[in-house]
Protein backbone atom coordinates (compact mmCIF):
# COMPACT_ATOMS: atom_id res chain seq x y z
CA MET A 1 0.00 0.00 0.00
CA LYS A 2 2.89 2.38 0.75
CA LEU A 3 4.28 1.81 -2.73
CA ILE A 4 1.02 2.97 -4.29
CA LYS A 5 0.97 6.15 -2.20
CA LYS A 6 4.60 6.96 -3.05
CA ALA A 7 3.99 6.46 -6.76
CA THR A 8 0.80 8.58 -6.84
CA LEU A 9 2.46 12.03 -6.73
CA PRO A 10 4.92 11.45 -9.61
CA VAL A 11 2.15 9.91 -11.72
CA MET A 12 -0.13 12.90 -11.09
CA ILE A 13 2.69 15.30 -11.95
CA LEU A 14 3.43 13.37 -15.13
CA LEU A 15 -0.24 13.42 -16.16
CA LEU A 16 -0.46 17.15 -15.46
CA CYS A 17 2.66 17.82 -17.55
CA LEU A 18 1.39 15.68 -20.42
CA TRP A 19 -1.93 17.51 -20.37
CA ALA A 20 -0.11 20.87 -20.40
CA VAL A 21 1.98 19.83 -23.40
CA TYR A 22 -1.16 18.65 -25.19
CA VAL A 23 -2.93 21.97 -24.55
CA ARG A 24 0.08 24.01 -25.59
CA TYR A 25 0.67 22.25 -28.88
CA GLN A 26 -2.93 21.58 -29.83
CA GLN A 27 -3.60 22.98 -33.29
CA PRO A 28 -6.26 25.71 -33.41
CA SER A 29 -9.31 24.92 -35.50
CA THR A 30 -9.83 26.76 -38.77
CA ASP A 31 -12.59 28.90 -37.30
CA ALA A 32 -10.53 29.85 -34.25
CA LYS A 33 -9.82 33.52 -33.90
CA VAL A 34 -6.09 33.98 -33.66
CA THR A 35 -4.92 37.36 -32.49
CA ALA A 36 -1.16 37.50 -32.62
CA ASP A 37 0.46 40.72 -31.52
CA PRO A 38 3.99 40.88 -32.98
CA ALA A 39 5.28 42.96 -30.06
CA LEU A 40 3.84 40.48 -27.56
CA ALA A 41 5.31 37.54 -29.48
CA ALA A 42 8.76 39.17 -29.48
CA THR A 43 8.51 39.90 -25.76
CA VAL A 44 7.43 36.33 -24.98
CA ASN A 45 10.39 34.97 -26.97
CA SER A 46 12.79 37.35 -25.26
CA CYS A 47 11.52 36.50 -21.79
CA ASP A 48 11.63 32.79 -22.58
CA GLY A 49 15.33 33.12 -23.37
CA ILE A 50 15.95 35.05 -20.16
CA THR A 51 14.07 32.41 -18.18
CA GLU A 52 16.12 29.58 -19.65
CA ARG A 53 19.39 31.38 -18.94
CA ALA A 54 18.28 32.11 -15.37
CA ALA A 55 17.72 28.42 -14.67
CA LYS A 56 20.42 26.81 -16.79
CA ASP A 57 22.72 26.04 -13.85
CA LEU A 58 20.01 24.54 -11.66
CA VAL A 59 20.10 20.76 -11.44
CA ALA A 60 17.24 18.70 -10.06
CA VAL A 61 18.25 15.61 -8.11
CA VAL A 62 14.87 14.73 -6.65
CA GLU A 63 11.34 15.25 -7.98
CA PHE A 64 10.63 18.18 -5.66
CA GLN A 65 13.55 20.11 -7.09
CA LYS A 66 12.06 19.77 -10.59
CA LEU A 67 8.91 21.45 -9.32
CA GLU A 68 10.98 24.13 -7.60
CA ILE A 69 12.86 24.88 -10.85
CA ALA A 70 9.60 25.05 -12.82
CA GLY A 71 8.21 27.49 -10.24
CA ARG A 72 11.33 29.62 -10.40
CA LYS A 73 11.16 29.74 -14.20
CA ALA A 74 7.52 30.82 -14.05
CA ARG A 75 8.33 33.57 -11.56
CA VAL A 76 11.25 34.88 -13.66
CA PHE A 77 9.07 34.82 -16.79
CA LYS A 78 6.26 36.76 -15.07
CA MET A 79 8.71 39.36 -13.73
CA CYS A 80 10.25 39.76 -17.19
CA MET A 81 6.86 40.29 -18.82
CA ARG A 82 5.80 42.81 -16.16
CA ASP A 83 9.08 44.69 -16.58
CA ARG A 84 8.27 45.04 -20.28
CA GLY A 85 4.81 46.48 -19.70
CA TYR A 86 2.51 43.44 -19.77
CA ILE A 87 0.06 42.27 -17.13
CA GLU A 88 -1.99 39.13 -16.70
CA ASN A 89 -5.30 39.39 -18.53
CA PRO A 90 -8.28 39.32 -16.12
CA ASP A 91 -10.38 37.79 -18.92
CA TRP A 92 -7.96 34.86 -19.05
CA GLN A 93 -8.45 34.26 -15.33
CA THR A 94 -12.24 34.33 -15.71
CA TYR A 95 -12.08 31.92 -18.64
CA SER A 96 -9.59 29.51 -17.05
CA VAL A 97 -10.98 29.03 -13.53
CA PRO A 98 -13.83 26.73 -14.66
CA LEU A 99 -11.39 24.76 -16.84
CA ALA A 100 -9.00 24.40 -13.92
CA LYS A 101 -11.76 23.12 -11.64
CA LYS A 102 -12.72 20.50 -14.21
CA LEU A 103 -9.09 19.49 -14.71
CA ALA A 104 -8.50 19.32 -10.96
CA LYS A 105 -11.32 16.82 -10.56
CA GLU A 106 -10.10 14.74 -13.51
CA ILE A 107 -6.53 14.35 -12.27
CA ASN A 108 -7.27 14.64 -8.55
CA VAL A 109 -5.25 17.75 -7.68
CA SER A 110 -6.23 21.01 -6.02
CA ASP A 111 -7.87 23.80 -7.97
CA ASP A 112 -4.85 26.01 -7.28
CA ALA A 113 -2.43 23.44 -8.71
CA ALA A 114 -4.55 23.10 -11.84
CA ILE A 115 -4.84 26.87 -12.41
CA GLU A 116 -1.08 27.23 -11.84
CA GLN A 117 -0.38 24.57 -14.47
CA LEU A 118 -2.74 26.24 -16.93
CA SER A 119 -1.10 29.62 -16.35
CA ARG A 120 2.41 28.20 -16.80
CA THR A 121 1.33 26.79 -20.14
CA ASP A 122 -0.63 29.79 -21.40
CA MET A 123 1.84 32.46 -20.27
CA MET A 124 4.33 31.13 -22.78
CA SER A 125 1.96 31.69 -25.70
CA ALA A 126 1.53 35.00 -27.48
CA LEU A 127 -1.96 34.23 -28.73
CA GLY A 128 -5.22 32.80 -27.54
CA GLU A 129 -6.86 29.86 -29.29
CA GLY A 130 -10.56 29.69 -30.05
CA ASP A 131 -12.48 31.47 -27.32
CA ARG A 132 -9.51 31.50 -24.93
CA PRO A 133 -8.21 35.04 -24.40
CA ASN A 134 -4.51 35.91 -24.43
CA TYR A 135 -2.76 35.46 -21.11
CA TRP A 136 -0.93 38.78 -21.42
CA ILE A 137 -2.24 42.26 -22.21
CA SER A 138 -0.30 45.51 -22.31
CA ARG A 139 -0.78 48.02 -19.52
């Protein structure tokens, strides 16, 4: 029984990561409204590079450290975007909370963990897909 409990957390994390990759790389449908702002796209790419350089020397030995590095990358990325004049879109939050609650029930994690995973995925994209609003808007 202890083996099952120990294996549950890594399996949940793996499922959450796989779902995030699926959402990030899912192709938009042909009727999806795609609003790409070239300045936003350039800023996202720039901040992504800064984030990778900020965490390049960090090495994860245990599973918890992988989560810590992912959290640090997300924090650096958010700070970079805010420094360049972007804020989190309140419409994105309104749109994503119901999705996060549904996801949380499906993979048996807290609502906060699900919304954090969604935000980490969507913050790296410069455009919304379908009805989903952009994560970032300019001030």
